[in-house]
Amino acid sequence: SGGGLVQAGGSLRLSCAASGRSFSNYALGWFRQAPGKTRQ
């Protein structure tokens, strides 16, 4: 959650809520994919 439209120079905070057990056993990451590009 937390995505949206912002002007250059602005800020956003993305959040990710997880369900399931043993959350602390997982490493986490954020990736992104722009149109026509691979996920990075």
Full PDB file with SEQRES, HELIX, SHEET, SSBOND, CRYST1, ORIGX, SCALE, CONECT and MASTER records, all heavy atoms in Angstrom:
SEQRES   1 A   40  SER GLY GLY GLY LEU VAL GLN ALA GLY GLY SER LEU ARG          
SEQRES   2 A   40  LEU SER CYS ALA ALA SER GLY ARG SER PHE SER ASN TYR          
SEQRES   3 A   40  ALA LEU GLY TRP PHE ARG GLN ALA PRO GLY LYS THR ARG          
SEQRES   4 A   40  GLN                                                          
HELIX    1 AA1 PHE A   23  ASN A   25  5                                   3    
CRYST1    1.000    1.000    1.000  90.00  90.00  90.00 P 1           1          
ORIGX1      1.000000  0.000000  0.000000        0.00000                         
ORIGX2      0.000000  1.000000  0.000000        0.00000                         
ORIGX3      0.000000  0.000000  1.000000        0.00000                         
SCALE1      1.000000  0.000000  0.000000        0.00000                         
SCALE2      0.000000  1.000000  0.000000        0.00000                         
SCALE3      0.000000  0.000000  1.000000        0.00000                         
ATOM      1  N   SER A   1       0.848  -1.183   0.000  1.00  0.00           N  
ATOM      2  CA  SER A   1       0.000   0.000   0.000  1.00  0.00           C  
ATOM      3  C   SER A   1       0.887   1.237   0.000  1.00  0.00           C  
ATOM      4  O   SER A   1       2.093   1.140   0.272  1.00  0.00           O  
ATOM      5  CB  SER A   1      -0.938   0.007   1.202  1.00  0.00           C  
ATOM      6  OG  SER A   1      -0.204   0.037   2.410  1.00  0.00           O  
ATOM      7  N   GLY A   2       0.284   2.375  -0.299  1.00  0.00           N  
ATOM      8  CA  GLY A   2       1.011   3.628  -0.205  1.00  0.00           C  
ATOM      9  C   GLY A   2       1.445   4.253  -1.512  1.00  0.00           C  
ATOM     10  O   GLY A   2       1.986   5.360  -1.523  1.00  0.00           O  
ATOM     11  N   GLY A   3       1.221   3.563  -2.619  1.00  0.00           N  
ATOM     12  CA  GLY A   3       1.591   4.137  -3.898  1.00  0.00           C  
ATOM     13  C   GLY A   3       0.679   5.293  -4.271  1.00  0.00           C  
ATOM     14  O   GLY A   3      -0.335   5.545  -3.625  1.00  0.00           O  
ATOM     15  N   GLY A   4       1.056   6.004  -5.311  1.00  0.00           N  
ATOM     16  CA  GLY A   4       0.242   7.120  -5.767  1.00  0.00           C  
ATOM     17  C   GLY A   4       1.000   8.024  -6.697  1.00  0.00           C  
ATOM     18  O   GLY A   4       2.090   7.686  -7.177  1.00  0.00           O  
ATOM     19  N   LEU A   5       0.419   9.189  -6.935  1.00  0.00           N  
ATOM     20  CA  LEU A   5       1.013  10.189  -7.819  1.00  0.00           C  
ATOM     21  C   LEU A   5       1.666  11.276  -6.975  1.00  0.00           C  
ATOM     22  O   LEU A   5       1.045  11.818  -6.047  1.00  0.00           O  
ATOM     23  CB  LEU A   5      -0.069  10.794  -8.714  1.00  0.00           C  
ATOM     24  CG  LEU A   5       0.334  11.968  -9.606  1.00  0.00           C  
ATOM     25  CD1 LEU A   5       1.378  11.523 -10.612  1.00  0.00           C  
ATOM     26  CD2 LEU A   5      -0.895  12.539 -10.298  1.00  0.00           C  
ATOM     27  N   VAL A   6       2.909  11.595  -7.308  1.00  0.00           N  
ATOM     28  CA  VAL A   6       3.640  12.619  -6.561  1.00  0.00           C  
ATOM     29  C   VAL A   6       4.499  13.414  -7.534  1.00  0.00           C  
ATOM     30  O   VAL A   6       4.936  12.883  -8.570  1.00  0.00           O  
ATOM     31  CB  VAL A   6       4.500  11.967  -5.451  1.00  0.00           C  
ATOM     32  CG1 VAL A   6       5.566  11.060  -6.050  1.00  0.00           C  
ATOM     33  CG2 VAL A   6       5.109  13.011  -4.535  1.00  0.00           C  
ATOM     34  N   GLN A   7       4.735  14.662  -7.211  1.00  0.00           N  
ATOM     35  CA  GLN A   7       5.604  15.479  -8.053  1.00  0.00           C  
ATOM     36  C   GLN A   7       7.064  15.172  -7.772  1.00  0.00           C  
ATOM     37  O   GLN A   7       7.423  14.723  -6.672  1.00  0.00           O  
ATOM     38  CB  GLN A   7       5.332  16.955  -7.798  1.00  0.00           C  
ATOM     39  CG  GLN A   7       4.001  17.443  -8.332  1.00  0.00           C  
ATOM     40  CD  GLN A   7       3.857  18.944  -8.235  1.00  0.00           C  
ATOM     41  OE1 GLN A   7       4.452  19.593  -7.381  1.00  0.00           O  
ATOM     42  NE2 GLN A   7       3.061  19.525  -9.128  1.00  0.00           N  
ATOM     43  N   ALA A   8       7.884  15.421  -8.765  1.00  0.00           N  
ATOM     44  CA  ALA A   8       9.317  15.235  -8.590  1.00  0.00           C  
ATOM     45  C   ALA A   8       9.801  16.040  -7.383  1.00  0.00           C  
ATOM     46  O   ALA A   8       9.382  17.181  -7.178  1.00  0.00           O  
ATOM     47  CB  ALA A   8      10.060  15.668  -9.847  1.00  0.00           C  
ATOM     48  N   GLY A   9      10.668  15.404  -6.596  1.00  0.00           N  
ATOM     49  CA  GLY A   9      11.154  16.024  -5.377  1.00  0.00           C  
ATOM     50  C   GLY A   9      10.331  15.686  -4.152  1.00  0.00           C  
ATOM     51  O   GLY A   9      10.748  15.965  -3.020  1.00  0.00           O  
ATOM     52  N   GLY A  10       9.181  15.079  -4.366  1.00  0.00           N  
ATOM     53  CA  GLY A  10       8.307  14.726  -3.266  1.00  0.00           C  
ATOM     54  C   GLY A  10       8.674  13.408  -2.607  1.00  0.00           C  
ATOM     55  O   GLY A  10       9.697  12.789  -2.936  1.00  0.00           O  
ATOM     56  N   SER A  11       7.824  12.988  -1.687  1.00  0.00           N  
ATOM     57  CA  SER A  11       8.085  11.773  -0.903  1.00  0.00           C  
ATOM     58  C   SER A  11       6.850  10.887  -0.858  1.00  0.00           C  
ATOM     59  O   SER A  11       5.713  11.371  -0.969  1.00  0.00           O  
ATOM     60  CB  SER A  11       8.473  12.148   0.528  1.00  0.00           C  
ATOM     61  OG  SER A  11       9.651  12.922   0.556  1.00  0.00           O  
ATOM     62  N   LEU A  12       7.106   9.603  -0.710  1.00  0.00           N  
ATOM     63  CA  LEU A  12       6.048   8.616  -0.481  1.00  0.00           C  
ATOM     64  C   LEU A  12       6.592   7.562   0.468  1.00  0.00           C  
ATOM     65  O   LEU A  12       7.804   7.305   0.491  1.00  0.00           O  
ATOM     66  CB  LEU A  12       5.623   7.937  -1.788  1.00  0.00           C  
ATOM     67  CG  LEU A  12       4.636   8.635  -2.718  1.00  0.00           C  
ATOM     68  CD1 LEU A  12       4.444   7.814  -3.973  1.00  0.00           C  
ATOM     69  CD2 LEU A  12       3.309   8.898  -2.027  1.00  0.00           C  
ATOM     70  N   ARG A  13       5.673   6.951   1.190  1.00  0.00           N  
ATOM     71  CA  ARG A  13       6.050   5.833   2.050  1.00  0.00           C  
ATOM     72  C   ARG A  13       5.217   4.627   1.655  1.00  0.00           C  
ATOM     73  O   ARG A  13       3.988   4.657   1.751  1.00  0.00           O  
ATOM     74  CB  ARG A  13       5.826   6.162   3.519  1.00  0.00           C  
ATOM     75  CG  ARG A  13       6.241   5.050   4.480  1.00  0.00           C  
ATOM     76  CD  ARG A  13       5.993   5.463   5.922  1.00  0.00           C  
ATOM     77  NE  ARG A  13       6.328   4.415   6.865  1.00  0.00           N  
ATOM     78  CZ  ARG A  13       7.530   4.251   7.389  1.00  0.00           C  
ATOM     79  NH1 ARG A  13       8.514   5.066   7.053  1.00  0.00           N  
ATOM     80  NH2 ARG A  13       7.765   3.262   8.252  1.00  0.00           N  
ATOM     81  N   LEU A  14       5.890   3.585   1.208  1.00  0.00           N  
ATOM     82  CA  LEU A  14       5.226   2.334   0.877  1.00  0.00           C  
ATOM     83  C   LEU A  14       5.255   1.403   2.077  1.00  0.00           C  
ATOM     84  O   LEU A  14       6.255   1.352   2.803  1.00  0.00           O  
ATOM     85  CB  LEU A  14       5.906   1.654  -0.308  1.00  0.00           C  
ATOM     86  CG  LEU A  14       6.046   2.472  -1.589  1.00  0.00           C  
ATOM     87  CD1 LEU A  14       6.669   1.609  -2.681  1.00  0.00           C  
ATOM     88  CD2 LEU A  14       4.726   3.035  -2.033  1.00  0.00           C  
ATOM     89  N   SER A  15       4.177   0.676   2.249  1.00  0.00           N  
ATOM     90  CA  SER A  15       4.114  -0.313   3.319  1.00  0.00           C  
ATOM     91  C   SER A  15       3.718  -1.659   2.737  1.00  0.00           C  
ATOM     92  O   SER A  15       3.037  -1.734   1.715  1.00  0.00           O  
ATOM     93  CB  SER A  15       3.094   0.104   4.378  1.00  0.00           C  
ATOM     94  OG  SER A  15       3.501   1.277   5.035  1.00  0.00           O  
ATOM     95  N   CYS A  16       4.137  -2.697   3.410  1.00  0.00           N  
ATOM     96  CA  CYS A  16       3.803  -4.057   2.993  1.00  0.00           C  
ATOM     97  C   CYS A  16       3.439  -4.840   4.244  1.00  0.00           C  
ATOM     98  O   CYS A  16       4.259  -4.962   5.166  1.00  0.00           O  
ATOM     99  CB  CYS A  16       4.980  -4.700   2.272  1.00  0.00           C  
ATOM    100  SG  CYS A  16       4.722  -6.426   1.796  1.00  0.00           S  
ATOM    101  N   ALA A  17       2.226  -5.334   4.264  1.00  0.00           N  
ATOM    102  CA  ALA A  17       1.754  -6.126   5.398  1.00  0.00           C  
ATOM    103  C   ALA A  17       1.810  -7.602   5.031  1.00  0.00           C  
ATOM    104  O   ALA A  17       1.354  -8.002   3.955  1.00  0.00           O  
ATOM    105  CB  ALA A  17       0.335  -5.723   5.755  1.00  0.00           C  
ATOM    106  N   ALA A  18       2.348  -8.394   5.943  1.00  0.00           N  
ATOM    107  CA  ALA A  18       2.499  -9.823   5.686  1.00  0.00           C  
ATOM    108  C   ALA A  18       1.615 -10.629   6.614  1.00  0.00           C  
ATOM    109  O   ALA A  18       1.456 -10.298   7.787  1.00  0.00           O  
ATOM    110  CB  ALA A  18       3.952 -10.235   5.884  1.00  0.00           C  
ATOM    111  N   SER A  19       1.046 -11.671   6.066  1.00  0.00           N  
ATOM    112  CA  SER A  19       0.300 -12.626   6.888  1.00  0.00           C  
ATOM    113  C   SER A  19       0.990 -13.972   6.792  1.00  0.00           C  
ATOM    114  O   SER A  19       1.631 -14.282   5.811  1.00  0.00           O  
ATOM    115  CB  SER A  19      -1.143 -12.734   6.412  1.00  0.00           C  
ATOM    116  OG  SER A  19      -1.190 -13.189   5.072  1.00  0.00           O  
ATOM    117  N   GLY A  20       0.842 -14.769   7.815  1.00  0.00           N  
ATOM    118  CA  GLY A  20       1.499 -16.055   7.835  1.00  0.00           C  
ATOM    119  C   GLY A  20       2.448 -16.143   9.004  1.00  0.00           C  
ATOM    120  O   GLY A  20       2.733 -15.152   9.676  1.00  0.00           O  
ATOM    121  N   ARG A  21       2.974 -17.306   9.204  1.00  0.00           N  
ATOM    122  CA  ARG A  21       3.838 -17.542  10.351  1.00  0.00           C  
ATOM    123  C   ARG A  21       5.294 -17.218  10.057  1.00  0.00           C  
ATOM    124  O   ARG A  21       5.703 -17.152   8.921  1.00  0.00           O  
ATOM    125  CB  ARG A  21       3.725 -19.002  10.789  1.00  0.00           C  
ATOM    126  CG  ARG A  21       2.350 -19.404  11.255  1.00  0.00           C  
ATOM    127  CD  ARG A  21       2.336 -20.849  11.701  1.00  0.00           C  
ATOM    128  NE  ARG A  21       1.033 -21.235  12.246  1.00  0.00           N  
ATOM    129  CZ  ARG A  21       0.749 -22.447  12.698  1.00  0.00           C  
ATOM    130  NH1 ARG A  21       1.684 -23.388  12.683  1.00  0.00           N  
ATOM    131  NH2 ARG A  21      -0.440 -22.719  13.173  1.00  0.00           N  
ATOM    132  N   SER A  22       6.021 -17.056  11.118  1.00  0.00           N  
ATOM    133  CA  SER A  22       7.479 -16.975  11.038  1.00  0.00           C  
ATOM    134  C   SER A  22       7.980 -15.828  10.165  1.00  0.00           C  
ATOM    135  O   SER A  22       8.961 -15.976   9.434  1.00  0.00           O  
ATOM    136  CB  SER A  22       8.059 -18.301  10.514  1.00  0.00           C  
ATOM    137  OG  SER A  22       7.645 -19.385  11.311  1.00  0.00           O  
ATOM    138  N   PHE A  23       7.321 -14.719  10.250  1.00  0.00           N  
ATOM    139  CA  PHE A  23       7.715 -13.551   9.453  1.00  0.00           C  
ATOM    140  C   PHE A  23       9.179 -13.213   9.674  1.00  0.00           C  
ATOM    141  O   PHE A  23       9.902 -12.846   8.742  1.00  0.00           O  
ATOM    142  CB  PHE A  23       6.826 -12.373   9.834  1.00  0.00           C  
ATOM    143  CG  PHE A  23       7.150 -11.099   9.122  1.00  0.00           C  
ATOM    144  CD1 PHE A  23       6.766 -10.897   7.810  1.00  0.00           C  
ATOM    145  CD2 PHE A  23       7.849 -10.077   9.768  1.00  0.00           C  
ATOM    146  CE1 PHE A  23       7.047  -9.717   7.145  1.00  0.00           C  
ATOM    147  CE2 PHE A  23       8.134  -8.892   9.118  1.00  0.00           C  
ATOM    148  CZ  PHE A  23       7.732  -8.711   7.803  1.00  0.00           C  
ATOM    149  N   SER A  24       9.650 -13.360  10.891  1.00  0.00           N  
ATOM    150  CA  SER A  24      11.021 -12.972  11.207  1.00  0.00           C  
ATOM    151  C   SER A  24      12.059 -13.916  10.609  1.00  0.00           C  
ATOM    152  O   SER A  24      13.246 -13.644  10.678  1.00  0.00           O  
ATOM    153  CB  SER A  24      11.222 -12.863  12.716  1.00  0.00           C  
ATOM    154  OG  SER A  24      10.969 -14.109  13.335  1.00  0.00           O  
ATOM    155  N   ASN A  25      11.621 -15.031  10.034  1.00  0.00           N  
ATOM    156  CA  ASN A  25      12.551 -15.941   9.371  1.00  0.00           C  
ATOM    157  C   ASN A  25      12.807 -15.578   7.914  1.00  0.00           C  
ATOM    158  O   ASN A  25      13.574 -16.261   7.232  1.00  0.00           O  
ATOM    159  CB  ASN A  25      12.020 -17.377   9.427  1.00  0.00           C  
ATOM    160  CG  ASN A  25      12.181 -17.980  10.808  1.00  0.00           C  
ATOM    161  OD1 ASN A  25      13.216 -17.818  11.443  1.00  0.00           O  
ATOM    162  ND2 ASN A  25      11.157 -18.663  11.278  1.00  0.00           N  
ATOM    163  N   TYR A  26      12.168 -14.521   7.467  1.00  0.00           N  
ATOM    164  CA  TYR A  26      12.261 -14.136   6.071  1.00  0.00           C  
ATOM    165  C   TYR A  26      13.072 -12.857   5.906  1.00  0.00           C  
ATOM    166  O   TYR A  26      12.905 -11.895   6.653  1.00  0.00           O  
ATOM    167  CB  TYR A  26      10.879 -13.916   5.468  1.00  0.00           C  
ATOM    168  CG  TYR A  26      10.080 -15.177   5.279  1.00  0.00           C  
ATOM    169  CD1 TYR A  26       9.350 -15.715   6.330  1.00  0.00           C  
ATOM    170  CD2 TYR A  26      10.069 -15.824   4.053  1.00  0.00           C  
ATOM    171  CE1 TYR A  26       8.620 -16.882   6.167  1.00  0.00           C  
ATOM    172  CE2 TYR A  26       9.333 -16.986   3.864  1.00  0.00           C  
ATOM    173  CZ  TYR A  26       8.617 -17.510   4.925  1.00  0.00           C  
ATOM    174  OH  TYR A  26       7.899 -18.664   4.741  1.00  0.00           O  
ATOM    175  N   ALA A  27      13.927 -12.868   4.897  1.00  0.00           N  
ATOM    176  CA  ALA A  27      14.514 -11.618   4.431  1.00  0.00           C  
ATOM    177  C   ALA A  27      13.499 -10.987   3.479  1.00  0.00           C  
ATOM    178  O   ALA A  27      12.737 -11.693   2.813  1.00  0.00           O  
ATOM    179  CB  ALA A  27      15.826 -11.874   3.713  1.00  0.00           C  
ATOM    180  N   LEU A  28      13.507  -9.676   3.422  1.00  0.00           N  
ATOM    181  CA  LEU A  28      12.498  -8.959   2.644  1.00  0.00           C  
ATOM    182  C   LEU A  28      13.152  -8.012   1.655  1.00  0.00           C  
ATOM    183  O   LEU A  28      14.301  -7.578   1.861  1.00  0.00           O  
ATOM    184  CB  LEU A  28      11.590  -8.170   3.590  1.00  0.00           C  
ATOM    185  CG  LEU A  28      10.878  -8.987   4.658  1.00  0.00           C  
ATOM    186  CD1 LEU A  28      10.235  -8.068   5.672  1.00  0.00           C  
ATOM    187  CD2 LEU A  28       9.848  -9.908   4.041  1.00  0.00           C  
ATOM    188  N   GLY A  29      12.398  -7.679   0.631  1.00  0.00           N  
ATOM    189  CA  GLY A  29      12.938  -6.754  -0.343  1.00  0.00           C  
ATOM    190  C   GLY A  29      11.842  -6.008  -1.074  1.00  0.00           C  
ATOM    191  O   GLY A  29      10.682  -6.419  -1.073  1.00  0.00           O  
ATOM    192  N   TRP A  30      12.236  -4.898  -1.643  1.00  0.00           N  
ATOM    193  CA  TRP A  30      11.390  -4.134  -2.547  1.00  0.00           C  
ATOM    194  C   TRP A  30      12.017  -4.171  -3.935  1.00  0.00           C  
ATOM    195  O   TRP A  30      13.227  -3.944  -4.082  1.00  0.00           O  
ATOM    196  CB  TRP A  30      11.254  -2.687  -2.083  1.00  0.00           C  
ATOM    197  CG  TRP A  30      10.378  -2.507  -0.885  1.00  0.00           C  
ATOM    198  CD1 TRP A  30      10.775  -2.437   0.416  1.00  0.00           C  
ATOM    199  CD2 TRP A  30       8.950  -2.353  -0.881  1.00  0.00           C  
ATOM    200  NE1 TRP A  30       9.678  -2.279   1.230  1.00  0.00           N  
ATOM    201  CE2 TRP A  30       8.549  -2.212   0.473  1.00  0.00           C  
ATOM    202  CE3 TRP A  30       7.967  -2.327  -1.875  1.00  0.00           C  
ATOM    203  CZ2 TRP A  30       7.217  -2.051   0.845  1.00  0.00           C  
ATOM    204  CZ3 TRP A  30       6.650  -2.170  -1.507  1.00  0.00           C  
ATOM    205  CH2 TRP A  30       6.277  -2.032  -0.168  1.00  0.00           C  
ATOM    206  N   PHE A  31      11.196  -4.441  -4.912  1.00  0.00           N  
ATOM    207  CA  PHE A  31      11.611  -4.447  -6.310  1.00  0.00           C  
ATOM    208  C   PHE A  31      10.651  -3.543  -7.075  1.00  0.00           C  
ATOM    209  O   PHE A  31       9.563  -3.220  -6.590  1.00  0.00           O  
ATOM    210  CB  PHE A  31      11.554  -5.870  -6.880  1.00  0.00           C  
ATOM    211  CG  PHE A  31      12.520  -6.820  -6.218  1.00  0.00           C  
ATOM    212  CD1 PHE A  31      12.260  -7.347  -4.964  1.00  0.00           C  
ATOM    213  CD2 PHE A  31      13.703  -7.180  -6.857  1.00  0.00           C  
ATOM    214  CE1 PHE A  31      13.162  -8.216  -4.348  1.00  0.00           C  
ATOM    215  CE2 PHE A  31      14.602  -8.054  -6.261  1.00  0.00           C  
ATOM    216  CZ  PHE A  31      14.327  -8.570  -5.001  1.00  0.00           C  
ATOM    217  N   ARG A  32      11.052  -3.152  -8.267  1.00  0.00           N  
ATOM    218  CA  ARG A  32      10.160  -2.332  -9.069  1.00  0.00           C  
ATOM    219  C   ARG A  32      10.268  -2.714 -10.534  1.00  0.00           C  
ATOM    220  O   ARG A  32      11.294  -3.246 -10.988  1.00  0.00           O  
ATOM    221  CB  ARG A  32      10.458  -0.844  -8.879  1.00  0.00           C  
ATOM    222  CG  ARG A  32      11.800  -0.384  -9.422  1.00  0.00           C  
ATOM    223  CD  ARG A  32      12.052   1.075  -9.042  1.00  0.00           C  
ATOM    224  NE  ARG A  32      13.322   1.578  -9.563  1.00  0.00           N  
ATOM    225  CZ  ARG A  32      13.830   2.763  -9.244  1.00  0.00           C  
ATOM    226  NH1 ARG A  32      13.181   3.585  -8.412  1.00  0.00           N  
ATOM    227  NH2 ARG A  32      14.988   3.139  -9.765  1.00  0.00           N  
ATOM    228  N   GLN A  33       9.196  -2.425 -11.244  1.00  0.00           N  
ATOM    229  CA  GLN A  33       9.177  -2.712 -12.671  1.00  0.00           C  
ATOM    230  C   GLN A  33       8.487  -1.571 -13.399  1.00  0.00           C  
ATOM    231  O   GLN A  33       7.307  -1.294 -13.166  1.00  0.00           O  
ATOM    232  CB  GLN A  33       8.458  -4.032 -12.950  1.00  0.00           C  
ATOM    233  CG  GLN A  33       8.570  -4.489 -14.388  1.00  0.00           C  
ATOM    234  CD  GLN A  33       8.178  -5.941 -14.569  1.00  0.00           C  
ATOM    235  OE1 GLN A  33       7.565  -6.551 -13.696  1.00  0.00           O  
ATOM    236  NE2 GLN A  33       8.543  -6.513 -15.709  1.00  0.00           N  
ATOM    237  N   ALA A  34       9.235  -0.921 -14.250  1.00  0.00           N  
ATOM    238  CA  ALA A  34       8.705   0.149 -15.074  1.00  0.00           C  
ATOM    239  C   ALA A  34       8.192  -0.448 -16.384  1.00  0.00           C  
ATOM    240  O   ALA A  34       8.615  -1.537 -16.792  1.00  0.00           O  
ATOM    241  CB  ALA A  34       9.786   1.185 -15.353  1.00  0.00           C  
ATOM    242  N   PRO A  35       7.283   0.249 -17.072  1.00  0.00           N  
ATOM    243  CA  PRO A  35       6.748  -0.280 -18.330  1.00  0.00           C  
ATOM    244  C   PRO A  35       7.848  -0.596 -19.335  1.00  0.00           C  
ATOM    245  O   PRO A  35       8.741   0.221 -19.574  1.00  0.00           O  
ATOM    246  CB  PRO A  35       5.859   0.868 -18.826  1.00  0.00           C  
ATOM    247  CG  PRO A  35       5.463   1.595 -17.592  1.00  0.00           C  
ATOM    248  CD  PRO A  35       6.655   1.511 -16.683  1.00  0.00           C  
ATOM    249  N   GLY A  36       7.798  -1.811 -19.874  1.00  0.00           N  
ATOM    250  CA  GLY A  36       8.768  -2.208 -20.876  1.00  0.00           C  
ATOM    251  C   GLY A  36      10.129  -2.580 -20.346  1.00  0.00           C  
ATOM    252  O   GLY A  36      11.049  -2.841 -21.125  1.00  0.00           O  
ATOM    253  N   LYS A  37      10.264  -2.616 -19.028  1.00  0.00           N  
ATOM    254  CA  LYS A  37      11.560  -2.945 -18.433  1.00  0.00           C  
ATOM    255  C   LYS A  37      11.444  -4.162 -17.541  1.00  0.00           C  
ATOM    256  O   LYS A  37      10.362  -4.563 -17.129  1.00  0.00           O  
ATOM    257  CB  LYS A  37      12.088  -1.752 -17.636  1.00  0.00           C  
ATOM    258  CG  LYS A  37      12.381  -0.536 -18.488  1.00  0.00           C  
ATOM    259  CD  LYS A  37      13.090   0.538 -17.686  1.00  0.00           C  
ATOM    260  CE  LYS A  37      13.457   1.721 -18.574  1.00  0.00           C  
ATOM    261  NZ  LYS A  37      14.173   2.782 -17.799  1.00  0.00           N  
ATOM    262  N   THR A  38      12.587  -4.755 -17.240  1.00  0.00           N  
ATOM    263  CA  THR A  38      12.588  -5.917 -16.352  1.00  0.00           C  
ATOM    264  C   THR A  38      12.482  -5.468 -14.902  1.00  0.00           C  
ATOM    265  O   THR A  38      12.775  -4.320 -14.559  1.00  0.00           O  
ATOM    266  CB  THR A  38      13.876  -6.731 -16.529  1.00  0.00           C  
ATOM    267  OG1 THR A  38      15.004  -5.874 -16.262  1.00  0.00           O  
ATOM    268  CG2 THR A  38      14.000  -7.273 -17.956  1.00  0.00           C  
ATOM    269  N   ARG A  39      12.055  -6.394 -14.061  1.00  0.00           N  
ATOM    270  CA  ARG A  39      11.956  -6.099 -12.642  1.00  0.00           C  
ATOM    271  C   ARG A  39      13.361  -5.916 -12.074  1.00  0.00           C  
ATOM    272  O   ARG A  39      14.277  -6.686 -12.376  1.00  0.00           O  
ATOM    273  CB  ARG A  39      11.228  -7.234 -11.929  1.00  0.00           C  
ATOM    274  CG  ARG A  39      10.779  -6.906 -10.538  1.00  0.00           C  
ATOM    275  CD  ARG A  39       9.783  -7.943 -10.024  1.00  0.00           C  
ATOM    276  NE  ARG A  39       8.567  -7.974 -10.838  1.00  0.00           N  
ATOM    277  CZ  ARG A  39       7.466  -8.649 -10.499  1.00  0.00           C  
ATOM    278  NH1 ARG A  39       7.452  -9.355  -9.375  1.00  0.00           N  
ATOM    279  NH2 ARG A  39       6.417  -8.632 -11.290  1.00  0.00           N  
ATOM    280  N   GLN A  40      13.523  -4.914 -11.232  1.00  0.00           N  
ATOM    281  CA  GLN A  40      14.836  -4.629 -10.678  1.00  0.00           C  
ATOM    282  C   GLN A  40      14.789  -4.467  -9.165  1.00  0.00           C  
ATOM    283  O   GLN A  40      13.776  -4.051  -8.609  1.00  0.00           O  
ATOM    284  CB  GLN A  40      15.448  -3.373 -11.319  1.00  0.00           C  
ATOM    285  CG  GLN A  40      14.685  -2.120 -11.099  1.00  0.00           C  
ATOM    286  CD  GLN A  40      15.366  -0.884 -11.671  1.00  0.00           C  
ATOM    287  OE1 GLN A  40      15.064   0.237 -11.305  1.00  0.00           O  
ATOM    288  NE2 GLN A  40      16.303  -1.061 -12.582  1.00  0.00           N  
TER     289      GLN A  40                                                      
MASTER        0    0    0    1    0    0    0    6  288    1    0    4          
END                                                                             
